[in-house]
Amino acid sequence: MKNAAPAATADVQPPQPLLLRAAEAAALLGLKKTSFYGKLSQGVIPAPIRIGGGDPRWRRAELEQWVADGCPRPDCWERNAE
């Protein structure tokens, strides 16, 4: 009797975090961290949230939606976000 081949294992990836640190948010957008902060200070990128007064975090879903919407100007983004 031949040995059965091991069952193929699916590529299981860990869940993506819902809240991103600045470096992670910058990487998601394909920006260097300094460019990310520059665009943030210009009001181009959606603003972060702070949980309990801690470090800023960006919502992954919000950044992904912002990109899917074509990276709209802040005044358009604010209207769409409400």
PDB file of N, CA and C in Angstrom:
ATOM      1  N   MET A   1       0.845  -1.178   0.000  1.00  0.00           N
ATOM      2  CA  MET A   1       0.000   0.000   0.000  1.00  0.00           C
ATOM      3  C   MET A   1       0.886   1.234   0.000  1.00  0.00           C
ATOM      4  N   LYS A   2       0.593   2.131  -0.894  1.00  0.00           N
ATOM      5  CA  LYS A   2       1.382   3.356  -0.992  1.00  0.00           C
ATOM      6  C   LYS A   2       0.923   4.350   0.061  1.00  0.00           C
ATOM      7  N   ASN A   3       1.865   5.162   0.491  1.00  0.00           N
ATOM      8  CA  ASN A   3       1.514   6.225   1.444  1.00  0.00           C
ATOM      9  C   ASN A   3       0.700   7.293   0.722  1.00  0.00           C
ATOM     10  N   ALA A   4      -0.321   7.746   1.357  1.00  0.00           N
ATOM     11  CA  ALA A   4      -1.138   8.813   0.776  1.00  0.00           C
ATOM     12  C   ALA A   4      -0.353  10.112   0.816  1.00  0.00           C
ATOM     13  N   ALA A   5      -0.512  10.893  -0.230  1.00  0.00           N
ATOM     14  CA  ALA A   5       0.154  12.190  -0.287  1.00  0.00           C
ATOM     15  C   ALA A   5      -0.463  13.100   0.769  1.00  0.00           C
ATOM     16  N   PRO A   6       0.358  13.929   1.408  1.00  0.00           N
ATOM     17  CA  PRO A   6      -0.210  14.847   2.402  1.00  0.00           C
ATOM     18  C   PRO A   6      -1.195  15.801   1.746  1.00  0.00           C
ATOM     19  N   ALA A   7      -2.214  16.134   2.482  1.00  0.00           N
ATOM     20  CA  ALA A   7      -3.223  17.066   1.971  1.00  0.00           C
ATOM     21  C   ALA A   7      -2.579  18.422   1.724  1.00  0.00           C
ATOM     22  N   ALA A   8      -2.965  19.035   0.635  1.00  0.00           N
ATOM     23  CA  ALA A   8      -2.433  20.362   0.320  1.00  0.00           C
ATOM     24  C   ALA A   8      -2.942  21.353   1.360  1.00  0.00           C
ATOM     25  N   THR A   9      -2.054  22.168   1.827  1.00  0.00           N
ATOM     26  CA  THR A   9      -2.453  23.181   2.813  1.00  0.00           C
ATOM     27  C   THR A   9      -2.687  24.501   2.095  1.00  0.00           C
ATOM     28  N   ALA A  10      -3.770  25.126   2.410  1.00  0.00           N
ATOM     29  CA  ALA A  10      -4.081  26.427   1.825  1.00  0.00           C
ATOM     30  C   ALA A  10      -3.186  27.479   2.455  1.00  0.00           C
ATOM     31  N   ASP A  11      -2.878  28.477   1.665  1.00  0.00           N
ATOM     32  CA  ASP A  11      -2.091  29.585   2.207  1.00  0.00           C
ATOM     33  C   ASP A  11      -2.990  30.382   3.141  1.00  0.00           C
ATOM     34  N   VAL A  12      -2.793  30.172   4.410  1.00  0.00           N
ATOM     35  CA  VAL A  12      -3.583  30.886   5.410  1.00  0.00           C
ATOM     36  C   VAL A  12      -2.795  32.104   5.838  1.00  0.00           C
ATOM     37  N   GLN A  13      -3.392  33.254   5.620  1.00  0.00           N
ATOM     38  CA  GLN A  13      -2.729  34.493   5.987  1.00  0.00           C
ATOM     39  C   GLN A  13      -3.369  35.045   7.256  1.00  0.00           C
ATOM     40  N   PRO A  14      -2.549  35.654   8.100  1.00  0.00           N
ATOM     41  CA  PRO A  14      -3.114  36.232   9.318  1.00  0.00           C
ATOM     42  C   PRO A  14      -4.050  37.378   8.953  1.00  0.00           C
ATOM     43  N   PRO A  15      -5.029  37.648   9.796  1.00  0.00           N
ATOM     44  CA  PRO A  15      -5.957  38.755   9.509  1.00  0.00           C
ATOM     45  C   PRO A  15      -5.221  40.084   9.468  1.00  0.00           C
ATOM     46  N   GLN A  16      -5.678  40.960   8.619  1.00  0.00           N
ATOM     47  CA  GLN A  16      -5.092  42.290   8.501  1.00  0.00           C
ATOM     48  C   GLN A  16      -5.603  43.151   9.649  1.00  0.00           C
ATOM     49  N   PRO A  17      -4.723  43.962  10.236  1.00  0.00           N
ATOM     50  CA  PRO A  17      -5.186  44.838  11.318  1.00  0.00           C
ATOM     51  C   PRO A  17      -6.177  45.871  10.792  1.00  0.00           C
ATOM     52  N   LEU A  18      -7.146  46.202  11.621  1.00  0.00           N
ATOM     53  CA  LEU A  18      -8.146  47.189  11.242  1.00  0.00           C
ATOM     54  C   LEU A  18      -7.628  48.616  11.411  1.00  0.00           C
ATOM     55  N   LEU A  19      -6.764  48.801  12.399  1.00  0.00           N
ATOM     56  CA  LEU A  19      -6.176  50.114  12.665  1.00  0.00           C
ATOM     57  C   LEU A  19      -4.683  50.049  12.378  1.00  0.00           C
ATOM     58  N   LEU A  20      -4.189  51.043  11.657  1.00  0.00           N
ATOM     59  CA  LEU A  20      -2.798  51.039  11.211  1.00  0.00           C
ATOM     60  C   LEU A  20      -1.989  52.146  11.862  1.00  0.00           C
ATOM     61  N   ARG A  21      -0.745  51.847  12.168  1.00  0.00           N
ATOM     62  CA  ARG A  21       0.202  52.878  12.601  1.00  0.00           C
ATOM     63  C   ARG A  21       0.605  53.684  11.375  1.00  0.00           C
ATOM     64  N   ALA A  22       1.274  54.797  11.592  1.00  0.00           N
ATOM     65  CA  ALA A  22       1.645  55.685  10.488  1.00  0.00           C
ATOM     66  C   ALA A  22       2.469  54.955   9.429  1.00  0.00           C
ATOM     67  N   ALA A  23       3.467  54.187   9.842  1.00  0.00           N
ATOM     68  CA  ALA A  23       4.312  53.484   8.878  1.00  0.00           C
ATOM     69  C   ALA A  23       3.499  52.480   8.067  1.00  0.00           C
ATOM     70  N   GLU A  24       2.551  51.804   8.713  1.00  0.00           N
ATOM     71  CA  GLU A  24       1.708  50.826   8.016  1.00  0.00           C
ATOM     72  C   GLU A  24       0.750  51.522   7.052  1.00  0.00           C
ATOM     73  N   ALA A  25       0.190  52.644   7.479  1.00  0.00           N
ATOM     74  CA  ALA A  25      -0.720  53.405   6.622  1.00  0.00           C
ATOM     75  C   ALA A  25       0.036  53.955   5.413  1.00  0.00           C
ATOM     76  N   ALA A  26       1.235  54.454   5.643  1.00  0.00           N
ATOM     77  CA  ALA A  26       2.055  54.963   4.548  1.00  0.00           C
ATOM     78  C   ALA A  26       2.360  53.850   3.548  1.00  0.00           C
ATOM     79  N   ALA A  27       2.737  52.682   4.058  1.00  0.00           N
ATOM     80  CA  ALA A  27       3.048  51.548   3.183  1.00  0.00           C
ATOM     81  C   ALA A  27       1.817  51.114   2.393  1.00  0.00           C
ATOM     82  N   LEU A  28       0.658  51.117   3.025  1.00  0.00           N
ATOM     83  CA  LEU A  28      -0.582  50.752   2.349  1.00  0.00           C
ATOM     84  C   LEU A  28      -0.837  51.678   1.163  1.00  0.00           C
ATOM     85  N   LEU A  29      -0.502  52.958   1.325  1.00  0.00           N
ATOM     86  CA  LEU A  29      -0.716  53.949   0.273  1.00  0.00           C
ATOM     87  C   LEU A  29       0.453  54.052  -0.694  1.00  0.00           C
ATOM     88  N   GLY A  30       1.520  53.300  -0.424  1.00  0.00           N
ATOM     89  CA  GLY A  30       2.681  53.333  -1.302  1.00  0.00           C
ATOM     90  C   GLY A  30       3.517  54.592  -1.147  1.00  0.00           C
ATOM     91  N   LEU A  31       3.497  55.163   0.052  1.00  0.00           N
ATOM     92  CA  LEU A  31       4.243  56.398   0.316  1.00  0.00           C
ATOM     93  C   LEU A  31       5.341  56.153   1.338  1.00  0.00           C
ATOM     94  N   LYS A  32       6.377  56.978   1.253  1.00  0.00           N
ATOM     95  CA  LYS A  32       7.364  56.997   2.328  1.00  0.00           C
ATOM     96  C   LYS A  32       6.709  57.713   3.504  1.00  0.00           C
ATOM     97  N   LYS A  33       7.190  57.410   4.687  1.00  0.00           N
ATOM     98  CA  LYS A  33       6.576  57.977   5.889  1.00  0.00           C
ATOM     99  C   LYS A  33       6.621  59.508   5.880  1.00  0.00           C
ATOM    100  N   THR A  34       7.717  60.092   5.406  1.00  0.00           N
ATOM    101  CA  THR A  34       7.812  61.557   5.367  1.00  0.00           C
ATOM    102  C   THR A  34       6.799  62.148   4.388  1.00  0.00           C
ATOM    103  N   SER A  35       6.602  61.506   3.239  1.00  0.00           N
ATOM    104  CA  SER A  35       5.595  61.976   2.278  1.00  0.00           C
ATOM    105  C   SER A  35       4.203  61.830   2.855  1.00  0.00           C
ATOM    106  N   PHE A  36       3.983  60.736   3.569  1.00  0.00           N
ATOM    107  CA  PHE A  36       2.691  60.499   4.209  1.00  0.00           C
ATOM    108  C   PHE A  36       2.376  61.624   5.183  1.00  0.00           C
ATOM    109  N   TYR A  37       3.340  61.965   6.050  1.00  0.00           N
ATOM    110  CA  TYR A  37       3.112  63.036   7.021  1.00  0.00           C
ATOM    111  C   TYR A  37       2.939  64.389   6.340  1.00  0.00           C
ATOM    112  N   GLY A  38       3.660  64.613   5.235  1.00  0.00           N
ATOM    113  CA  GLY A  38       3.494  65.857   4.494  1.00  0.00           C
ATOM    114  C   GLY A  38       2.083  65.999   3.949  1.00  0.00           C
ATOM    115  N   LYS A  39       1.575  64.929   3.350  1.00  0.00           N
ATOM    116  CA  LYS A  39       0.217  64.961   2.810  1.00  0.00           C
ATOM    117  C   LYS A  39      -0.822  65.046   3.928  1.00  0.00           C
ATOM    118  N   LEU A  40      -0.512  64.439   5.059  1.00  0.00           N
ATOM    119  CA  LEU A  40      -1.417  64.529   6.211  1.00  0.00           C
ATOM    120  C   LEU A  40      -1.500  65.969   6.705  1.00  0.00           C
ATOM    121  N   SER A  41      -0.352  66.650   6.792  1.00  0.00           N
ATOM    122  CA  SER A  41      -0.355  68.039   7.270  1.00  0.00           C
ATOM    123  C   SER A  41      -1.047  68.974   6.281  1.00  0.00           C
ATOM    124  N   GLN A  42      -1.074  68.594   5.002  1.00  0.00           N
ATOM    125  CA  GLN A  42      -1.785  69.378   3.983  1.00  0.00           C
ATOM    126  C   GLN A  42      -3.279  69.074   3.988  1.00  0.00           C
ATOM    127  N   GLY A  43      -3.681  68.069   4.759  1.00  0.00           N
ATOM    128  CA  GLY A  43      -5.083  67.698   4.827  1.00  0.00           C
ATOM    129  C   GLY A  43      -5.538  66.829   3.675  1.00  0.00           C
ATOM    130  N   VAL A  44      -4.597  66.244   2.948  1.00  0.00           N
ATOM    131  CA  VAL A  44      -4.934  65.431   1.779  1.00  0.00           C
ATOM    132  C   VAL A  44      -5.396  64.033   2.185  1.00  0.00           C
ATOM    133  N   ILE A  45      -4.754  63.462   3.187  1.00  0.00           N
ATOM    134  CA  ILE A  45      -5.039  62.097   3.643  1.00  0.00           C
ATOM    135  C   ILE A  45      -6.060  62.157   4.770  1.00  0.00           C
ATOM    136  N   PRO A  46      -6.991  61.197   4.809  1.00  0.00           N
ATOM    137  CA  PRO A  46      -7.958  61.172   5.924  1.00  0.00           C
ATOM    138  C   PRO A  46      -7.257  61.213   7.282  1.00  0.00           C
ATOM    139  N   ALA A  47      -7.861  61.929   8.204  1.00  0.00           N
ATOM    140  CA  ALA A  47      -7.280  62.121   9.535  1.00  0.00           C
ATOM    141  C   ALA A  47      -7.306  60.826  10.345  1.00  0.00           C
ATOM    142  N   PRO A  48      -6.355  60.676  11.249  1.00  0.00           N
ATOM    143  CA  PRO A  48      -6.330  59.488  12.108  1.00  0.00           C
ATOM    144  C   PRO A  48      -7.312  59.626  13.271  1.00  0.00           C
ATOM    145  N   ILE A  49      -7.431  58.548  13.992  1.00  0.00           N
ATOM    146  CA  ILE A  49      -8.179  58.561  15.248  1.00  0.00           C
ATOM    147  C   ILE A  49      -7.191  58.285  16.368  1.00  0.00           C
ATOM    148  N   ARG A  50      -7.565  58.618  17.578  1.00  0.00           N
ATOM    149  CA  ARG A  50      -6.753  58.312  18.755  1.00  0.00           C
ATOM    150  C   ARG A  50      -7.640  57.574  19.740  1.00  0.00           C
ATOM    151  N   ILE A  51      -7.156  56.458  20.196  1.00  0.00           N
ATOM    152  CA  ILE A  51      -7.908  55.660  21.157  1.00  0.00           C
ATOM    153  C   ILE A  51      -7.284  55.885  22.522  1.00  0.00           C
ATOM    154  N   GLY A  52      -8.053  56.439  23.411  1.00  0.00           N
ATOM    155  CA  GLY A  52      -7.559  56.689  24.756  1.00  0.00           C
ATOM    156  C   GLY A  52      -6.391  57.654  24.808  1.00  0.00           C
ATOM    157  N   GLY A  53      -6.328  58.569  23.852  1.00  0.00           N
ATOM    158  CA  GLY A  53      -5.255  59.553  23.843  1.00  0.00           C
ATOM    159  C   GLY A  53      -3.918  58.994  23.400  1.00  0.00           C
ATOM    160  N   GLY A  54      -3.912  57.788  22.878  1.00  0.00           N
ATOM    161  CA  GLY A  54      -2.662  57.149  22.451  1.00  0.00           C
ATOM    162  C   GLY A  54      -2.184  57.637  21.096  1.00  0.00           C
ATOM    163  N   ASP A  55      -1.268  56.890  20.531  1.00  0.00           N
ATOM    164  CA  ASP A  55      -0.723  57.219  19.218  1.00  0.00           C
ATOM    165  C   ASP A  55      -1.824  57.204  18.167  1.00  0.00           C
ATOM    166  N   PRO A  56      -1.669  58.005  17.121  1.00  0.00           N
ATOM    167  CA  PRO A  56      -2.698  58.033  16.077  1.00  0.00           C
ATOM    168  C   PRO A  56      -2.744  56.708  15.317  1.00  0.00           C
ATOM    169  N   ARG A  57      -3.937  56.354  14.904  1.00  0.00           N
ATOM    170  CA  ARG A  57      -4.154  55.157  14.095  1.00  0.00           C
ATOM    171  C   ARG A  57      -5.093  55.519  12.947  1.00  0.00           C
ATOM    172  N   TRP A  58      -4.878  54.897  11.807  1.00  0.00           N
ATOM    173  CA  TRP A  58      -5.723  55.111  10.643  1.00  0.00           C
ATOM    174  C   TRP A  58      -6.558  53.871  10.411  1.00  0.00           C
ATOM    175  N   ARG A  59      -7.810  54.076  10.081  1.00  0.00           N
ATOM    176  CA  ARG A  59      -8.704  52.956   9.779  1.00  0.00           C
ATOM    177  C   ARG A  59      -8.344  52.420   8.395  1.00  0.00           C
ATOM    178  N   ARG A  60      -7.979  51.139   8.342  1.00  0.00           N
ATOM    179  CA  ARG A  60      -7.621  50.514   7.065  1.00  0.00           C
ATOM    180  C   ARG A  60      -8.754  50.686   6.048  1.00  0.00           C
ATOM    181  N   ALA A  61      -9.971  50.390   6.461  1.00  0.00           N
ATOM    182  CA  ALA A  61     -11.109  50.457   5.546  1.00  0.00           C
ATOM    183  C   ALA A  61     -11.301  51.873   4.995  1.00  0.00           C
ATOM    184  N   GLU A  62     -11.087  52.885   5.835  1.00  0.00           N
ATOM    185  CA  GLU A  62     -11.248  54.268   5.392  1.00  0.00           C
ATOM    186  C   GLU A  62     -10.197  54.628   4.352  1.00  0.00           C
ATOM    187  N   LEU A  63      -8.950  54.223   4.577  1.00  0.00           N
ATOM    188  CA  LEU A  63      -7.892  54.495   3.606  1.00  0.00           C
ATOM    189  C   LEU A  63      -8.144  53.752   2.297  1.00  0.00           C
ATOM    190  N   GLU A  64      -8.566  52.491   2.410  1.00  0.00           N
ATOM    191  CA  GLU A  64      -8.854  51.721   1.196  1.00  0.00           C
ATOM    192  C   GLU A  64     -10.004  52.338   0.415  1.00  0.00           C
ATOM    193  N   GLN A  65     -11.035  52.809   1.117  1.00  0.00           N
ATOM    194  CA  GLN A  65     -12.167  53.449   0.439  1.00  0.00           C
ATOM    195  C   GLN A  65     -11.738  54.764  -0.192  1.00  0.00           C
ATOM    196  N   TRP A  66     -10.890  55.511   0.491  1.00  0.00           N
ATOM    197  CA  TRP A  66     -10.388  56.779  -0.033  1.00  0.00           C
ATOM    198  C   TRP A  66      -9.646  56.538  -1.344  1.00  0.00           C
ATOM    199  N   VAL A  67      -8.819  55.507  -1.385  1.00  0.00           N
ATOM    200  CA  VAL A  67      -8.092  55.167  -2.617  1.00  0.00           C
ATOM    201  C   VAL A  67      -9.077  54.699  -3.690  1.00  0.00           C
ATOM    202  N   ALA A  68     -10.032  53.844  -3.320  1.00  0.00           N
ATOM    203  CA  ALA A  68     -11.019  53.346  -4.279  1.00  0.00           C
ATOM    204  C   ALA A  68     -11.839  54.493  -4.882  1.00  0.00           C
ATOM    205  N   ASP A  69     -12.062  55.538  -4.088  1.00  0.00           N
ATOM    206  CA  ASP A  69     -12.805  56.706  -4.565  1.00  0.00           C
ATOM    207  C   ASP A  69     -11.943  57.648  -5.400  1.00  0.00           C
ATOM    208  N   GLY A  70     -10.674  57.300  -5.598  1.00  0.00           N
ATOM    209  CA  GLY A  70      -9.789  58.122  -6.418  1.00  0.00           C
ATOM    210  C   GLY A  70      -9.026  59.184  -5.649  1.00  0.00           C
ATOM    211  N   CYS A  71      -8.865  59.019  -4.359  1.00  0.00           N
ATOM    212  CA  CYS A  71      -8.141  59.972  -3.503  1.00  0.00           C
ATOM    213  C   CYS A  71      -8.705  61.382  -3.661  1.00  0.00           C
ATOM    214  N   PRO A  72      -9.995  61.542  -3.355  1.00  0.00           N
ATOM    215  CA  PRO A  72     -10.631  62.842  -3.573  1.00  0.00           C
ATOM    216  C   PRO A  72     -10.054  63.941  -2.682  1.00  0.00           C
ATOM    217  N   ARG A  73     -10.289  65.175  -3.120  1.00  0.00           N
ATOM    218  CA  ARG A  73      -9.864  66.343  -2.341  1.00  0.00           C
ATOM    219  C   ARG A  73     -10.521  66.295  -0.970  1.00  0.00           C
ATOM    220  N   PRO A  74      -9.889  66.921   0.013  1.00  0.00           N
ATOM    221  CA  PRO A  74     -10.434  66.881   1.374  1.00  0.00           C
ATOM    222  C   PRO A  74     -11.874  67.365   1.489  1.00  0.00           C
ATOM    223  N   ASP A  75     -12.231  68.432   0.778  1.00  0.00           N
ATOM    224  CA  ASP A  75     -13.597  68.938   0.913  1.00  0.00           C
ATOM    225  C   ASP A  75     -14.611  67.922   0.368  1.00  0.00           C
ATOM    226  N   CYS A  76     -14.263  67.184  -0.664  1.00  0.00           N
ATOM    227  CA  CYS A  76     -15.151  66.135  -1.184  1.00  0.00           C
ATOM    228  C   CYS A  76     -15.161  64.935  -0.255  1.00  0.00           C
ATOM    229  N   TRP A  77     -13.995  64.611   0.275  1.00  0.00           N
ATOM    230  CA  TRP A  77     -13.895  63.444   1.173  1.00  0.00           C
ATOM    231  C   TRP A  77     -14.724  63.653   2.424  1.00  0.00           C
ATOM    232  N   GLU A  78     -14.651  64.834   3.011  1.00  0.00           N
ATOM    233  CA  GLU A  78     -15.396  65.109   4.243  1.00  0.00           C
ATOM    234  C   GLU A  78     -16.895  64.964   3.989  1.00  0.00           C
ATOM    235  N   ARG A  79     -17.365  65.443   2.857  1.00  0.00           N
ATOM    236  CA  ARG A  79     -18.783  65.321   2.546  1.00  0.00           C
ATOM    237  C   ARG A  79     -19.184  63.872   2.379  1.00  0.00           C
ATOM    238  N   ASN A  80     -18.342  63.055   1.717  1.00  0.00           N
ATOM    239  CA  ASN A  80     -18.643  61.650   1.489  1.00  0.00           C
ATOM    240  C   ASN A  80     -18.558  60.839   2.751  1.00  0.00           C
ATOM    241  N   ALA A  81     -17.713  61.230   3.689  1.00  0.00           N
ATOM    242  CA  ALA A  81     -17.497  60.453   4.907  1.00  0.00           C
ATOM    243  C   ALA A  81     -18.656  60.573   5.872  1.00  0.00           C
ATOM    244  N   GLU A  82     -19.430  61.636   5.768  1.00  0.00           N
ATOM    245  CA  GLU A  82     -20.526  61.867   6.721  1.00  0.00           C
ATOM    246  C   GLU A  82     -21.758  61.080   6.395  1.00  0.00           C
TER     247      GLU A  82
END
